Amino acid sequence: MTAPDTPLAISPTDNGFAVVGEIDAHTAPEITEAVARVTTATLEIDLSGVDFVDSSGLRALIEAHQRFEADGGSLTLVRPSAVVARLFDISGVGDYLNVSE
């Protein structure tokens, strides 16, 4: 798990933002805040630089997906790292979330 002083980097991309680091109980709120600032109907979150996601991080991604769905929009999680793709697979959320390799 990430120590509280370990940053999570979120940087803008053409269609949303890219995340680098670990998404856990300490950093999941940063994902939630970044998603809340989005004003477009679609969002892509690049997860290729993510090397760890705990249940708090997974919950933040699911809630972001649900927010966009409820508003008639679309959230796509793109290029998940091998670790993230495995988590999506073993947790069963890969079929629920919009994931693009």
PDB file of N, CA and C in Angstrom:
ATOM      1  N   MET A   1       0.845  -1.176   0.000  1.00  0.00           N
ATOM      2  CA  MET A   1       0.000   0.000   0.000  1.00  0.00           C
ATOM      3  C   MET A   1       0.892   1.241   0.000  1.00  0.00           C
ATOM      4  N   THR A   2       0.429   2.299  -0.601  1.00  0.00           N
ATOM      5  CA  THR A   2       1.179   3.529  -0.726  1.00  0.00           C
ATOM      6  C   THR A   2       1.236   4.268   0.609  1.00  0.00           C
ATOM      7  N   ALA A   3       2.394   4.799   0.909  1.00  0.00           N
ATOM      8  CA  ALA A   3       2.518   5.659   2.079  1.00  0.00           C
ATOM      9  C   ALA A   3       1.838   6.979   1.776  1.00  0.00           C
ATOM     10  N   PRO A   4       1.316   7.683   2.794  1.00  0.00           N
ATOM     11  CA  PRO A   4       0.596   8.924   2.554  1.00  0.00           C
ATOM     12  C   PRO A   4       1.381   9.968   1.772  1.00  0.00           C
ATOM     13  N   ASP A   5       2.721   9.940   1.837  1.00  0.00           N
ATOM     14  CA  ASP A   5       3.508  10.950   1.144  1.00  0.00           C
ATOM     15  C   ASP A   5       3.887  10.536  -0.281  1.00  0.00           C
ATOM     16  N   THR A   6       3.454   9.367  -0.722  1.00  0.00           N
ATOM     17  CA  THR A   6       3.741   8.926  -2.069  1.00  0.00           C
ATOM     18  C   THR A   6       2.712   9.514  -3.023  1.00  0.00           C
ATOM     19  N   PRO A   7       3.167  10.343  -3.952  1.00  0.00           N
ATOM     20  CA  PRO A   7       2.207  11.011  -4.834  1.00  0.00           C
ATOM     21  C   PRO A   7       1.646  10.102  -5.917  1.00  0.00           C
ATOM     22  N   LEU A   8       0.500  10.476  -6.352  1.00  0.00           N
ATOM     23  CA  LEU A   8      -0.130   9.892  -7.523  1.00  0.00           C
ATOM     24  C   LEU A   8      -0.112  10.994  -8.566  1.00  0.00           C
ATOM     25  N   ALA A   9       0.440  10.706  -9.705  1.00  0.00           N
ATOM     26  CA  ALA A   9       0.504  11.716 -10.762  1.00  0.00           C
ATOM     27  C   ALA A   9      -0.695  11.574 -11.688  1.00  0.00           C
ATOM     28  N   ILE A  10      -1.393  12.682 -11.879  1.00  0.00           N
ATOM     29  CA  ILE A  10      -2.520  12.736 -12.805  1.00  0.00           C
ATOM     30  C   ILE A  10      -2.209  13.858 -13.792  1.00  0.00           C
ATOM     31  N   SER A  11      -2.131  13.498 -15.062  1.00  0.00           N
ATOM     32  CA  SER A  11      -1.806  14.509 -16.063  1.00  0.00           C
ATOM     33  C   SER A  11      -2.818  14.471 -17.202  1.00  0.00           C
ATOM     34  N   PRO A  12      -3.103  15.630 -17.775  1.00  0.00           N
ATOM     35  CA  PRO A  12      -4.106  15.695 -18.840  1.00  0.00           C
ATOM     36  C   PRO A  12      -3.643  14.985 -20.110  1.00  0.00           C
ATOM     37  N   THR A  13      -4.607  14.416 -20.816  1.00  0.00           N
ATOM     38  CA  THR A  13      -4.384  13.836 -22.140  1.00  0.00           C
ATOM     39  C   THR A  13      -5.412  14.462 -23.077  1.00  0.00           C
ATOM     40  N   ASP A  14      -5.380  14.095 -24.330  1.00  0.00           N
ATOM     41  CA  ASP A  14      -6.325  14.667 -25.296  1.00  0.00           C
ATOM     42  C   ASP A  14      -7.779  14.369 -24.941  1.00  0.00           C
ATOM     43  N   ASN A  15      -8.033  13.182 -24.365  1.00  0.00           N
ATOM     44  CA  ASN A  15      -9.410  12.769 -24.105  1.00  0.00           C
ATOM     45  C   ASN A  15      -9.742  12.585 -22.629  1.00  0.00           C
ATOM     46  N   GLY A  16      -8.863  13.046 -21.759  1.00  0.00           N
ATOM     47  CA  GLY A  16      -9.102  12.868 -20.323  1.00  0.00           C
ATOM     48  C   GLY A  16      -7.838  13.090 -19.528  1.00  0.00           C
ATOM     49  N   PHE A  17      -7.421  12.032 -18.820  1.00  0.00           N
ATOM     50  CA  PHE A  17      -6.178  12.141 -18.065  1.00  0.00           C
ATOM     51  C   PHE A  17      -5.522  10.780 -17.901  1.00  0.00           C
ATOM     52  N   ALA A  18      -4.213  10.830 -17.612  1.00  0.00           N
ATOM     53  CA  ALA A  18      -3.419   9.627 -17.373  1.00  0.00           C
ATOM     54  C   ALA A  18      -3.033   9.589 -15.906  1.00  0.00           C
ATOM     55  N   VAL A  19      -2.987   8.395 -15.364  1.00  0.00           N
ATOM     56  CA  VAL A  19      -2.665   8.196 -13.955  1.00  0.00           C
ATOM     57  C   VAL A  19      -1.390   7.370 -13.873  1.00  0.00           C
ATOM     58  N   VAL A  20      -0.471   7.799 -13.006  1.00  0.00           N
ATOM     59  CA  VAL A  20       0.770   7.067 -12.771  1.00  0.00           C
ATOM     60  C   VAL A  20       0.942   6.917 -11.271  1.00  0.00           C
ATOM     61  N   GLY A  21       1.207   5.695 -10.835  1.00  0.00           N
ATOM     62  CA  GLY A  21       1.431   5.430  -9.415  1.00  0.00           C
ATOM     63  C   GLY A  21       0.482   4.376  -8.897  1.00  0.00           C
ATOM     64  N   GLU A  22       0.139   4.525  -7.629  1.00  0.00           N
ATOM     65  CA  GLU A  22      -0.736   3.567  -6.970  1.00  0.00           C
ATOM     66  C   GLU A  22      -2.059   4.219  -6.596  1.00  0.00           C
ATOM     67  N   ILE A  23      -3.147   3.514  -6.853  1.00  0.00           N
ATOM     68  CA  ILE A  23      -4.473   4.012  -6.487  1.00  0.00           C
ATOM     69  C   ILE A  23      -4.928   3.199  -5.284  1.00  0.00           C
ATOM     70  N   ASP A  24      -4.879   3.833  -4.129  1.00  0.00           N
ATOM     71  CA  ASP A  24      -5.229   3.143  -2.890  1.00  0.00           C
ATOM     72  C   ASP A  24      -6.043   4.074  -2.004  1.00  0.00           C
ATOM     73  N   ALA A  25      -6.204   3.710  -0.752  1.00  0.00           N
ATOM     74  CA  ALA A  25      -7.025   4.502   0.164  1.00  0.00           C
ATOM     75  C   ALA A  25      -6.526   5.937   0.301  1.00  0.00           C
ATOM     76  N   HIS A  26      -5.226   6.134   0.151  1.00  0.00           N
ATOM     77  CA  HIS A  26      -4.664   7.483   0.279  1.00  0.00           C
ATOM     78  C   HIS A  26      -4.822   8.316  -0.977  1.00  0.00           C
ATOM     79  N   THR A  27      -4.812   7.663  -2.141  1.00  0.00           N
ATOM     80  CA  THR A  27      -4.811   8.413  -3.399  1.00  0.00           C
ATOM     81  C   THR A  27      -6.123   8.340  -4.177  1.00  0.00           C
ATOM     82  N   ALA A  28      -7.009   7.420  -3.829  1.00  0.00           N
ATOM     83  CA  ALA A  28      -8.290   7.293  -4.540  1.00  0.00           C
ATOM     84  C   ALA A  28      -9.079   8.604  -4.557  1.00  0.00           C
ATOM     85  N   PRO A  29      -9.057   9.384  -3.458  1.00  0.00           N
ATOM     86  CA  PRO A  29      -9.781  10.664  -3.509  1.00  0.00           C
ATOM     87  C   PRO A  29      -9.272  11.602  -4.605  1.00  0.00           C
ATOM     88  N   GLU A  30      -8.001  11.496  -4.971  1.00  0.00           N
ATOM     89  CA  GLU A  30      -7.479  12.327  -6.052  1.00  0.00           C
ATOM     90  C   GLU A  30      -8.133  11.948  -7.388  1.00  0.00           C
ATOM     91  N   ILE A  31      -8.369  10.657  -7.594  1.00  0.00           N
ATOM     92  CA  ILE A  31      -9.061  10.205  -8.799  1.00  0.00           C
ATOM     93  C   ILE A  31     -10.489  10.748  -8.797  1.00  0.00           C
ATOM     94  N   THR A  32     -11.160  10.610  -7.661  1.00  0.00           N
ATOM     95  CA  THR A  32     -12.538  11.092  -7.531  1.00  0.00           C
ATOM     96  C   THR A  32     -12.624  12.588  -7.817  1.00  0.00           C
ATOM     97  N   GLU A  33     -11.686  13.359  -7.283  1.00  0.00           N
ATOM     98  CA  GLU A  33     -11.671  14.816  -7.513  1.00  0.00           C
ATOM     99  C   GLU A  33     -11.401  15.139  -8.977  1.00  0.00           C
ATOM    100  N   ALA A  34     -10.476  14.422  -9.598  1.00  0.00           N
ATOM    101  CA  ALA A  34     -10.165  14.671 -11.010  1.00  0.00           C
ATOM    102  C   ALA A  34     -11.386  14.368 -11.886  1.00  0.00           C
ATOM    103  N   VAL A  35     -12.084  13.292 -11.585  1.00  0.00           N
ATOM    104  CA  VAL A  35     -13.285  12.938 -12.344  1.00  0.00           C
ATOM    105  C   VAL A  35     -14.371  13.991 -12.127  1.00  0.00           C
ATOM    106  N   ALA A  36     -14.519  14.468 -10.913  1.00  0.00           N
ATOM    107  CA  ALA A  36     -15.549  15.463 -10.600  1.00  0.00           C
ATOM    108  C   ALA A  36     -15.334  16.769 -11.363  1.00  0.00           C
ATOM    109  N   ARG A  37     -14.095  17.079 -11.712  1.00  0.00           N
ATOM    110  CA  ARG A  37     -13.793  18.315 -12.439  1.00  0.00           C
ATOM    111  C   ARG A  37     -14.085  18.214 -13.944  1.00  0.00           C
ATOM    112  N   VAL A  38     -14.328  17.017 -14.430  1.00  0.00           N
ATOM    113  CA  VAL A  38     -14.565  16.813 -15.865  1.00  0.00           C
ATOM    114  C   VAL A  38     -15.944  17.357 -16.231  1.00  0.00           C
ATOM    115  N   THR A  39     -15.980  18.142 -17.294  1.00  0.00           N
ATOM    116  CA  THR A  39     -17.243  18.749 -17.722  1.00  0.00           C
ATOM    117  C   THR A  39     -17.741  18.180 -19.054  1.00  0.00           C
ATOM    118  N   THR A  40     -16.992  17.254 -19.628  1.00  0.00           N
ATOM    119  CA  THR A  40     -17.412  16.641 -20.889  1.00  0.00           C
ATOM    120  C   THR A  40     -18.251  15.397 -20.615  1.00  0.00           C
ATOM    121  N   ALA A  41     -18.958  14.934 -21.638  1.00  0.00           N
ATOM    122  CA  ALA A  41     -19.816  13.745 -21.487  1.00  0.00           C
ATOM    123  C   ALA A  41     -19.018  12.450 -21.588  1.00  0.00           C
ATOM    124  N   THR A  42     -17.799  12.546 -22.116  1.00  0.00           N
ATOM    125  CA  THR A  42     -16.962  11.360 -22.222  1.00  0.00           C
ATOM    126  C   THR A  42     -15.622  11.618 -21.538  1.00  0.00           C
ATOM    127  N   LEU A  43     -15.053  10.550 -21.046  1.00  0.00           N
ATOM    128  CA  LEU A  43     -13.757  10.649 -20.366  1.00  0.00           C
ATOM    129  C   LEU A  43     -12.986   9.366 -20.593  1.00  0.00           C
ATOM    130  N   GLU A  44     -11.703   9.513 -20.875  1.00  0.00           N
ATOM    131  CA  GLU A  44     -10.791   8.381 -20.932  1.00  0.00           C
ATOM    132  C   GLU A  44      -9.761   8.549 -19.830  1.00  0.00           C
ATOM    133  N   ILE A  45      -9.566   7.488 -19.057  1.00  0.00           N
ATOM    134  CA  ILE A  45      -8.533   7.485 -18.029  1.00  0.00           C
ATOM    135  C   ILE A  45      -7.502   6.443 -18.436  1.00  0.00           C
ATOM    136  N   ASP A  46      -6.285   6.906 -18.696  1.00  0.00           N
ATOM    137  CA  ASP A  46      -5.186   6.027 -19.092  1.00  0.00           C
ATOM    138  C   ASP A  46      -4.566   5.442 -17.829  1.00  0.00           C
ATOM    139  N   LEU A  47      -4.615   4.121 -17.707  1.00  0.00           N
ATOM    140  CA  LEU A  47      -4.108   3.435 -16.520  1.00  0.00           C
ATOM    141  C   LEU A  47      -2.812   2.670 -16.796  1.00  0.00           C
ATOM    142  N   SER A  48      -2.139   2.985 -17.889  1.00  0.00           N
ATOM    143  CA  SER A  48      -0.925   2.246 -18.245  1.00  0.00           C
ATOM    144  C   SER A  48       0.205   2.446 -17.239  1.00  0.00           C
ATOM    145  N   GLY A  49       0.181   3.537 -16.490  1.00  0.00           N
ATOM    146  CA  GLY A  49       1.233   3.802 -15.514  1.00  0.00           C
ATOM    147  C   GLY A  49       0.875   3.425 -14.090  1.00  0.00           C
ATOM    148  N   VAL A  50      -0.219   2.713 -13.911  1.00  0.00           N
ATOM    149  CA  VAL A  50      -0.673   2.333 -12.566  1.00  0.00           C
ATOM    150  C   VAL A  50      -0.100   0.964 -12.226  1.00  0.00           C
ATOM    151  N   ASP A  51       0.587   0.873 -11.082  1.00  0.00           N
ATOM    152  CA  ASP A  51       1.193  -0.397 -10.703  1.00  0.00           C
ATOM    153  C   ASP A  51       0.544  -1.066  -9.497  1.00  0.00           C
ATOM    154  N   PHE A  52      -0.513  -0.458  -8.960  1.00  0.00           N
ATOM    155  CA  PHE A  52      -1.228  -1.065  -7.835  1.00  0.00           C
ATOM    156  C   PHE A  52      -2.583  -0.392  -7.691  1.00  0.00           C
ATOM    157  N   VAL A  53      -3.624  -1.197  -7.437  1.00  0.00           N
ATOM    158  CA  VAL A  53      -4.957  -0.683  -7.128  1.00  0.00           C
ATOM    159  C   VAL A  53      -5.508  -1.532  -5.997  1.00  0.00           C
ATOM    160  N   ASP A  54      -5.936  -0.885  -4.907  1.00  0.00           N
ATOM    161  CA  ASP A  54      -6.592  -1.634  -3.837  1.00  0.00           C
ATOM    162  C   ASP A  54      -8.104  -1.462  -3.971  1.00  0.00           C
ATOM    163  N   SER A  55      -8.838  -1.972  -2.993  1.00  0.00           N
ATOM    164  CA  SER A  55     -10.302  -1.923  -3.080  1.00  0.00           C
ATOM    165  C   SER A  55     -10.829  -0.493  -3.096  1.00  0.00           C
ATOM    166  N   SER A  56     -10.160   0.421  -2.429  1.00  0.00           N
ATOM    167  CA  SER A  56     -10.573   1.829  -2.450  1.00  0.00           C
ATOM    168  C   SER A  56     -10.410   2.418  -3.850  1.00  0.00           C
ATOM    169  N   GLY A  57      -9.323   2.077  -4.499  1.00  0.00           N
ATOM    170  CA  GLY A  57      -9.090   2.546  -5.853  1.00  0.00           C
ATOM    171  C   GLY A  57     -10.074   1.956  -6.838  1.00  0.00           C
ATOM    172  N   LEU A  58     -10.343   0.671  -6.678  1.00  0.00           N
ATOM    173  CA  LEU A  58     -11.314   0.019  -7.545  1.00  0.00           C
ATOM    174  C   LEU A  58     -12.698   0.641  -7.359  1.00  0.00           C
ATOM    175  N   ARG A  59     -13.047   0.920  -6.121  1.00  0.00           N
ATOM    176  CA  ARG A  59     -14.335   1.563  -5.845  1.00  0.00           C
ATOM    177  C   ARG A  59     -14.404   2.947  -6.497  1.00  0.00           C
ATOM    178  N   ALA A  60     -13.326   3.717  -6.448  1.00  0.00           N
ATOM    179  CA  ALA A  60     -13.313   5.050  -7.062  1.00  0.00           C
ATOM    180  C   ALA A  60     -13.536   4.949  -8.571  1.00  0.00           C
ATOM    181  N   LEU A  61     -12.933   3.956  -9.213  1.00  0.00           N
ATOM    182  CA  LEU A  61     -13.112   3.784 -10.655  1.00  0.00           C
ATOM    183  C   LEU A  61     -14.531   3.339 -10.993  1.00  0.00           C
ATOM    184  N   ILE A  62     -15.087   2.448 -10.179  1.00  0.00           N
ATOM    185  CA  ILE A  62     -16.463   1.994 -10.399  1.00  0.00           C
ATOM    186  C   ILE A  62     -17.441   3.148 -10.208  1.00  0.00           C
ATOM    187  N   GLU A  63     -17.248   3.938  -9.149  1.00  0.00           N
ATOM    188  CA  GLU A  63     -18.140   5.078  -8.902  1.00  0.00           C
ATOM    189  C   GLU A  63     -18.036   6.112 -10.016  1.00  0.00           C
ATOM    190  N   ALA A  64     -16.834   6.315 -10.554  1.00  0.00           N
ATOM    191  CA  ALA A  64     -16.672   7.244 -11.677  1.00  0.00           C
ATOM    192  C   ALA A  64     -17.440   6.727 -12.893  1.00  0.00           C
ATOM    193  N   HIS A  65     -17.327   5.443 -13.151  1.00  0.00           N
ATOM    194  CA  HIS A  65     -18.072   4.816 -14.249  1.00  0.00           C
ATOM    195  C   HIS A  65     -19.573   5.020 -14.056  1.00  0.00           C
ATOM    196  N   GLN A  66     -20.050   4.775 -12.849  1.00  0.00           N
ATOM    197  CA  GLN A  66     -21.481   4.914 -12.559  1.00  0.00           C
ATOM    198  C   GLN A  66     -21.949   6.356 -12.724  1.00  0.00           C
ATOM    199  N   ARG A  67     -21.124   7.302 -12.331  1.00  0.00           N
ATOM    200  CA  ARG A  67     -21.476   8.719 -12.487  1.00  0.00           C
ATOM    201  C   ARG A  67     -21.676   9.071 -13.956  1.00  0.00           C
ATOM    202  N   PHE A  68     -20.740   8.654 -14.789  1.00  0.00           N
ATOM    203  CA  PHE A  68     -20.858   8.961 -16.213  1.00  0.00           C
ATOM    204  C   PHE A  68     -22.053   8.254 -16.834  1.00  0.00           C
ATOM    205  N   GLU A  69     -22.274   7.006 -16.473  1.00  0.00           N
ATOM    206  CA  GLU A  69     -23.427   6.261 -16.995  1.00  0.00           C
ATOM    207  C   GLU A  69     -24.730   6.946 -16.595  1.00  0.00           C
ATOM    208  N   ALA A  70     -24.840   7.362 -15.339  1.00  0.00           N
ATOM    209  CA  ALA A  70     -26.067   8.001 -14.843  1.00  0.00           C
ATOM    210  C   ALA A  70     -26.343   9.319 -15.567  1.00  0.00           C
ATOM    211  N   ASP A  71     -25.275  10.002 -15.985  1.00  0.00           N
ATOM    212  CA  ASP A  71     -25.421  11.272 -16.679  1.00  0.00           C
ATOM    213  C   ASP A  71     -25.536  11.096 -18.191  1.00  0.00           C
ATOM    214  N   GLY A  72     -25.600   9.841 -18.663  1.00  0.00           N
ATOM    215  CA  GLY A  72     -25.711   9.578 -20.090  1.00  0.00           C
ATOM    216  C   GLY A  72     -24.398   9.675 -20.828  1.00  0.00           C
ATOM    217  N   GLY A  73     -23.314   9.691 -20.097  1.00  0.00           N
ATOM    218  CA  GLY A  73     -22.000   9.805 -20.715  1.00  0.00           C
ATOM    219  C   GLY A  73     -21.280   8.480 -20.788  1.00  0.00           C
ATOM    220  N   SER A  74     -19.989   8.568 -20.993  1.00  0.00           N
ATOM    221  CA  SER A  74     -19.186   7.364 -21.152  1.00  0.00           C
ATOM    222  C   SER A  74     -17.807   7.570 -20.533  1.00  0.00           C
ATOM    223  N   LEU A  75     -17.407   6.630 -19.699  1.00  0.00           N
ATOM    224  CA  LEU A  75     -16.061   6.617 -19.123  1.00  0.00           C
ATOM    225  C   LEU A  75     -15.367   5.363 -19.632  1.00  0.00           C
ATOM    226  N   THR A  76     -14.179   5.531 -20.197  1.00  0.00           N
ATOM    227  CA  THR A  76     -13.412   4.398 -20.693  1.00  0.00           C
ATOM    228  C   THR A  76     -12.062   4.383 -19.987  1.00  0.00           C
ATOM    229  N   LEU A  77     -11.714   3.232 -19.457  1.00  0.00           N
ATOM    230  CA  LEU A  77     -10.416   3.023 -18.839  1.00  0.00           C
ATOM    231  C   LEU A  77      -9.519   2.426 -19.903  1.00  0.00           C
ATOM    232  N   VAL A  78      -8.504   3.176 -20.324  1.00  0.00           N
ATOM    233  CA  VAL A  78      -7.677   2.762 -21.453  1.00  0.00           C
ATOM    234  C   VAL A  78      -6.304   2.288 -21.018  1.00  0.00           C
ATOM    235  N   ARG A  79      -5.800   1.357 -21.782  1.00  0.00           N
ATOM    236  CA  ARG A  79      -4.454   0.806 -21.614  1.00  0.00           C
ATOM    237  C   ARG A  79      -4.129   0.432 -20.165  1.00  0.00           C
ATOM    238  N   PRO A  80      -4.975  -0.373 -19.515  1.00  0.00           N
ATOM    239  CA  PRO A  80      -4.640  -0.753 -18.145  1.00  0.00           C
ATOM    240  C   PRO A  80      -3.334  -1.551 -18.120  1.00  0.00           C
ATOM    241  N   SER A  81      -2.502  -1.267 -17.128  1.00  0.00           N
ATOM    242  CA  SER A  81      -1.273  -2.044 -16.967  1.00  0.00           C
ATOM    243  C   SER A  81      -1.654  -3.497 -16.721  1.00  0.00           C
ATOM    244  N   ALA A  82      -0.683  -4.393 -16.801  1.00  0.00           N
ATOM    245  CA  ALA A  82      -0.944  -5.818 -16.590  1.00  0.00           C
ATOM    246  C   ALA A  82      -1.533  -6.067 -15.205  1.00  0.00           C
ATOM    247  N   VAL A  83      -1.043  -5.344 -14.217  1.00  0.00           N
ATOM    248  CA  VAL A  83      -1.538  -5.507 -12.846  1.00  0.00           C
ATOM    249  C   VAL A  83      -3.011  -5.090 -12.760  1.00  0.00           C
ATOM    250  N   VAL A  84      -3.334  -3.970 -13.373  1.00  0.00           N
ATOM    251  CA  VAL A  84      -4.711  -3.464 -13.338  1.00  0.00           C
ATOM    252  C   VAL A  84      -5.632  -4.382 -14.142  1.00  0.00           C
ATOM    253  N   ALA A  85      -5.188  -4.820 -15.311  1.00  0.00           N
ATOM    254  CA  ALA A  85      -6.003  -5.722 -16.124  1.00  0.00           C
ATOM    255  C   ALA A  85      -6.293  -7.011 -15.365  1.00  0.00           C
ATOM    256  N   ARG A  86      -5.302  -7.519 -14.657  1.00  0.00           N
ATOM    257  CA  ARG A  86      -5.512  -8.744 -13.858  1.00  0.00           C
ATOM    258  C   ARG A  86      -6.530  -8.494 -12.758  1.00  0.00           C
ATOM    259  N   LEU A  87      -6.439  -7.353 -12.085  1.00  0.00           N
ATOM    260  CA  LEU A  87      -7.413  -7.021 -11.044  1.00  0.00           C
ATOM    261  C   LEU A  87      -8.822  -6.962 -11.627  1.00  0.00           C
ATOM    262  N   PHE A  88      -8.980  -6.309 -12.764  1.00  0.00           N
ATOM    263  CA  PHE A  88     -10.292  -6.239 -13.401  1.00  0.00           C
ATOM    264  C   PHE A  88     -10.802  -7.640 -13.721  1.00  0.00           C
ATOM    265  N   ASP A  89      -9.916  -8.504 -14.175  1.00  0.00           N
ATOM    266  CA  ASP A  89     -10.296  -9.860 -14.543  1.00  0.00           C
ATOM    267  C   ASP A  89     -10.704 -10.680 -13.316  1.00  0.00           C
ATOM    268  N   ILE A  90      -9.876 -10.701 -12.282  1.00  0.00           N
ATOM    269  CA  ILE A  90     -10.177 -11.557 -11.128  1.00  0.00           C
ATOM    270  C   ILE A  90     -11.321 -11.018 -10.278  1.00  0.00           C
ATOM    271  N   SER A  91     -11.545  -9.696 -10.332  1.00  0.00           N
ATOM    272  CA  SER A  91     -12.648  -9.121  -9.558  1.00  0.00           C
ATOM    273  C   SER A  91     -13.977  -9.191 -10.314  1.00  0.00           C
ATOM    274  N   GLY A  92     -13.909  -9.455 -11.610  1.00  0.00           N
ATOM    275  CA  GLY A  92     -15.119  -9.555 -12.412  1.00  0.00           C
ATOM    276  C   GLY A  92     -15.655  -8.235 -12.916  1.00  0.00           C
ATOM    277  N   VAL A  93     -14.964  -7.125 -12.663  1.00  0.00           N
ATOM    278  CA  VAL A  93     -15.477  -5.830 -13.104  1.00  0.00           C
ATOM    279  C   VAL A  93     -15.055  -5.481 -14.530  1.00  0.00           C
ATOM    280  N   GLY A  94     -14.183  -6.270 -15.114  1.00  0.00           N
ATOM    281  CA  GLY A  94     -13.739  -6.001 -16.470  1.00  0.00           C
ATOM    282  C   GLY A  94     -14.874  -6.005 -17.470  1.00  0.00           C
ATOM    283  N   ASP A  95     -15.889  -6.834 -17.220  1.00  0.00           N
ATOM    284  CA  ASP A  95     -17.056  -6.870 -18.116  1.00  0.00           C
ATOM    285  C   ASP A  95     -18.049  -5.759 -17.816  1.00  0.00           C
ATOM    286  N   TYR A  96     -17.972  -5.191 -16.620  1.00  0.00           N
ATOM    287  CA  TYR A  96     -18.879  -4.117 -16.209  1.00  0.00           C
ATOM    288  C   TYR A  96     -18.346  -2.755 -16.665  1.00  0.00           C
ATOM    289  N   LEU A  97     -17.059  -2.525 -16.453  1.00  0.00           N
ATOM    290  CA  LEU A  97     -16.449  -1.255 -16.823  1.00  0.00           C
ATOM    291  C   LEU A  97     -16.151  -1.239 -18.322  1.00  0.00           C
ATOM    292  N   ASN A  98     -16.044  -0.053 -18.895  1.00  0.00           N
ATOM    293  CA  ASN A  98     -15.609   0.094 -20.281  1.00  0.00           C
ATOM    294  C   ASN A  98     -14.088   0.133 -20.276  1.00  0.00           C
ATOM    295  N   VAL A  99     -13.471  -0.961 -20.722  1.00  0.00           N
ATOM    296  CA  VAL A  99     -12.013  -1.066 -20.718  1.00  0.00           C
ATOM    297  C   VAL A  99     -11.548  -1.251 -22.149  1.00  0.00           C
ATOM    298  N   SER A 100     -10.553  -0.459 -22.529  1.00  0.00           N
ATOM    299  CA  SER A 100      -9.995  -0.545 -23.870  1.00  0.00           C
ATOM    300  C   SER A 100      -8.497  -0.763 -23.762  1.00  0.00           C
ATOM    301  N   GLU A 101      -8.054  -1.850 -24.396  1.00  0.00           N
ATOM    302  CA  GLU A 101      -6.630  -2.169 -24.391  1.00  0.00           C
ATOM    303  C   GLU A 101      -5.959  -1.171 -25.286  1.00  0.00           C
TER     304      GLU A 101
END
